[in-house]
């Protein structure tokens, strides 16, 4: 039987054109009123998953 893709991983991870994965950084969803501008600015872009994680993410998404 074919293995299903992990729907939780599909919602949280995005695959780029080069094949790397972008994961949303933490501390950027709620309670933003209490956080400083600097703290929010540091979290602007997503972070690229590291090499060992990319193999695992590729299995989960495909």
N, C-alpha and C. Protein backbone atom coordinates (compact mmCIF):
# COMPACT_ATOMS: atom_id res chain seq x y z
N UNK A 1 0.84 -1.17 0.00
CA UNK A 1 0.00 0.00 0.00
C UNK A 1 0.89 1.24 0.00
N UNK A 2 0.48 2.24 -0.75
CA UNK A 2 1.25 3.48 -0.85
C UNK A 2 1.13 4.29 0.43
N UNK A 3 2.25 4.86 0.86
CA UNK A 3 2.24 5.67 2.08
C UNK A 3 1.69 7.05 1.79
N UNK A 4 0.84 7.54 2.70
CA UNK A 4 0.24 8.86 2.52
C UNK A 4 1.24 9.94 2.96
N UNK A 5 1.10 11.12 2.35
CA UNK A 5 1.94 12.24 2.77
C UNK A 5 1.40 12.79 4.09
N UNK A 6 2.28 13.35 4.88
CA UNK A 6 1.93 13.84 6.21
C UNK A 6 1.25 15.20 6.07
N UNK A 7 -0.04 15.27 6.37
CA UNK A 7 -0.79 16.50 6.14
C UNK A 7 -0.36 17.61 7.08
N UNK A 8 0.13 17.28 8.27
CA UNK A 8 0.64 18.29 9.19
C UNK A 8 1.90 18.93 8.66
N UNK A 9 2.76 18.14 8.03
CA UNK A 9 4.01 18.66 7.46
C UNK A 9 3.71 19.53 6.24
N UNK A 10 2.71 19.16 5.46
CA UNK A 10 2.35 19.95 4.28
C UNK A 10 1.92 21.36 4.66
N UNK A 11 1.27 21.49 5.82
CA UNK A 11 0.79 22.81 6.25
C UNK A 11 1.91 23.69 6.79
N UNK A 12 2.97 23.07 7.32
CA UNK A 12 4.01 23.82 8.02
C UNK A 12 5.28 24.06 7.22
N UNK A 13 5.47 23.32 6.15
CA UNK A 13 6.73 23.36 5.41
C UNK A 13 6.45 23.69 3.95
N UNK A 14 7.33 24.50 3.36
CA UNK A 14 7.19 24.86 1.95
C UNK A 14 8.48 24.47 1.22
N UNK A 15 8.33 23.83 0.08
CA UNK A 15 9.49 23.43 -0.70
C UNK A 15 9.80 24.52 -1.72
N UNK A 16 11.08 24.92 -1.81
CA UNK A 16 11.49 25.97 -2.74
C UNK A 16 11.82 25.36 -4.09
N UNK A 17 12.13 26.21 -5.05
CA UNK A 17 12.48 25.74 -6.39
C UNK A 17 13.75 24.93 -6.43
N UNK A 18 14.68 25.23 -5.53
CA UNK A 18 15.95 24.50 -5.48
C UNK A 18 15.85 23.18 -4.74
N UNK A 19 14.71 22.95 -4.12
CA UNK A 19 14.52 21.69 -3.42
C UNK A 19 14.77 21.77 -1.92
N UNK A 20 15.13 22.94 -1.42
CA UNK A 20 15.28 23.08 0.03
C UNK A 20 13.92 23.38 0.64
N UNK A 21 13.84 23.30 1.94
CA UNK A 21 12.58 23.49 2.63
C UNK A 21 12.64 24.71 3.53
N UNK A 22 11.58 25.51 3.52
CA UNK A 22 11.48 26.67 4.39
C UNK A 22 10.46 26.36 5.47
N UNK A 23 10.88 26.60 6.72
CA UNK A 23 10.04 26.36 7.87
C UNK A 23 9.78 27.70 8.54
N UNK A 24 8.56 27.92 8.98
CA UNK A 24 8.23 29.17 9.65
C UNK A 24 8.96 29.26 10.98
N UNK A 25 9.49 30.44 11.28
CA UNK A 25 10.18 30.63 12.55
C UNK A 25 9.17 30.74 13.69
N UNK A 26 9.64 30.48 14.87
CA UNK A 26 8.77 30.52 16.04
C UNK A 26 8.60 31.95 16.54
N UNK A 27 7.70 32.14 17.47
CA UNK A 27 7.44 33.43 18.16
C UNK A 27 6.93 34.50 17.20
N UNK A 28 6.16 34.16 16.20
CA UNK A 28 5.71 35.14 15.21
C UNK A 28 4.20 35.06 14.98
N UNK A 29 3.48 34.31 15.81
CA UNK A 29 2.07 34.10 15.54
C UNK A 29 1.13 34.97 16.36
N UNK A 30 1.34 35.03 17.65
CA UNK A 30 0.39 35.74 18.51
C UNK A 30 1.14 36.46 19.62
N UNK A 31 0.42 37.29 20.36
CA UNK A 31 0.99 38.12 21.42
C UNK A 31 2.07 39.05 20.89
N UNK A 32 1.86 39.57 19.69
CA UNK A 32 2.86 40.43 19.06
C UNK A 32 2.90 41.82 19.66
N UNK A 33 1.85 42.21 20.37
CA UNK A 33 1.81 43.54 21.00
C UNK A 33 2.89 43.65 22.08
N UNK A 34 3.14 42.56 22.77
CA UNK A 34 4.10 42.57 23.87
C UNK A 34 5.54 42.45 23.40
N UNK A 35 5.78 42.11 22.15
CA UNK A 35 7.13 41.88 21.66
C UNK A 35 7.70 43.15 21.03
N UNK A 36 9.00 43.31 21.16
CA UNK A 36 9.66 44.51 20.63
C UNK A 36 9.75 44.45 19.11
N UNK A 37 10.00 45.61 18.50
CA UNK A 37 10.14 45.67 17.04
C UNK A 37 11.32 44.82 16.59
N UNK A 38 12.39 44.87 17.37
CA UNK A 38 13.59 44.12 17.03
C UNK A 38 13.31 42.62 17.03
N UNK A 39 12.57 42.17 18.00
CA UNK A 39 12.24 40.75 18.11
C UNK A 39 11.40 40.30 16.92
N UNK A 40 10.47 41.16 16.50
CA UNK A 40 9.60 40.81 15.36
C UNK A 40 10.36 40.89 14.05
N UNK A 41 11.28 41.84 13.95
CA UNK A 41 12.05 42.03 12.72
C UNK A 41 12.99 40.85 12.46
N UNK A 42 13.54 40.29 13.53
CA UNK A 42 14.46 39.17 13.39
C UNK A 42 13.78 37.94 12.80
N UNK A 43 12.49 37.86 12.98
CA UNK A 43 11.75 36.67 12.55
C UNK A 43 11.07 36.84 11.19
N UNK A 44 11.50 37.83 10.39
CA UNK A 44 10.77 38.13 9.15
C UNK A 44 10.67 36.94 8.21
N UNK A 45 11.79 36.40 7.80
CA UNK A 45 11.76 35.32 6.81
C UNK A 45 11.83 33.96 7.48
N UNK A 46 11.40 32.95 6.75
CA UNK A 46 11.47 31.60 7.27
C UNK A 46 12.89 31.10 7.29
N UNK A 47 13.13 30.06 8.03
CA UNK A 47 14.47 29.53 8.08
C UNK A 47 14.55 28.25 7.29
N UNK A 48 15.67 28.04 6.65
CA UNK A 48 15.87 26.85 5.82
C UNK A 48 16.19 25.70 6.74
N UNK A 49 15.54 24.59 6.53
CA UNK A 49 15.79 23.41 7.34
C UNK A 49 17.20 22.87 7.05
N UNK A 50 17.83 22.29 8.04
CA UNK A 50 19.18 21.78 7.89
C UNK A 50 19.16 20.47 7.12
N UNK A 51 20.33 20.05 6.64
CA UNK A 51 20.45 18.90 5.73
C UNK A 51 19.81 17.62 6.26
N UNK A 52 20.07 17.19 7.51
CA UNK A 52 19.43 15.95 7.96
C UNK A 52 17.91 16.06 8.02
N UNK A 53 17.42 17.25 8.35
CA UNK A 53 15.97 17.45 8.42
C UNK A 53 15.35 17.43 7.04
N UNK A 54 16.10 17.88 6.03
CA UNK A 54 15.53 17.96 4.67
C UNK A 54 15.19 16.57 4.14
N UNK A 55 15.98 15.57 4.46
CA UNK A 55 15.68 14.21 4.01
C UNK A 55 14.38 13.71 4.63
N UNK A 56 14.22 14.01 5.92
CA UNK A 56 13.01 13.59 6.62
C UNK A 56 11.79 14.31 6.08
N UNK A 57 11.93 15.64 5.84
CA UNK A 57 10.81 16.42 5.31
C UNK A 57 10.41 15.96 3.92
N UNK A 58 11.40 15.60 3.10
CA UNK A 58 11.10 15.13 1.75
C UNK A 58 10.26 13.86 1.79
N UNK A 59 10.55 12.97 2.75
CA UNK A 59 9.77 11.75 2.88
C UNK A 59 8.35 12.05 3.35
N UNK A 60 8.24 13.00 4.29
CA UNK A 60 6.92 13.30 4.84
C UNK A 60 6.00 13.94 3.80
N UNK A 61 6.55 14.82 2.99
CA UNK A 61 5.72 15.57 2.03
C UNK A 61 5.38 14.74 0.80
N UNK A 62 6.33 13.95 0.32
CA UNK A 62 6.05 13.18 -0.91
C UNK A 62 5.29 11.90 -0.65
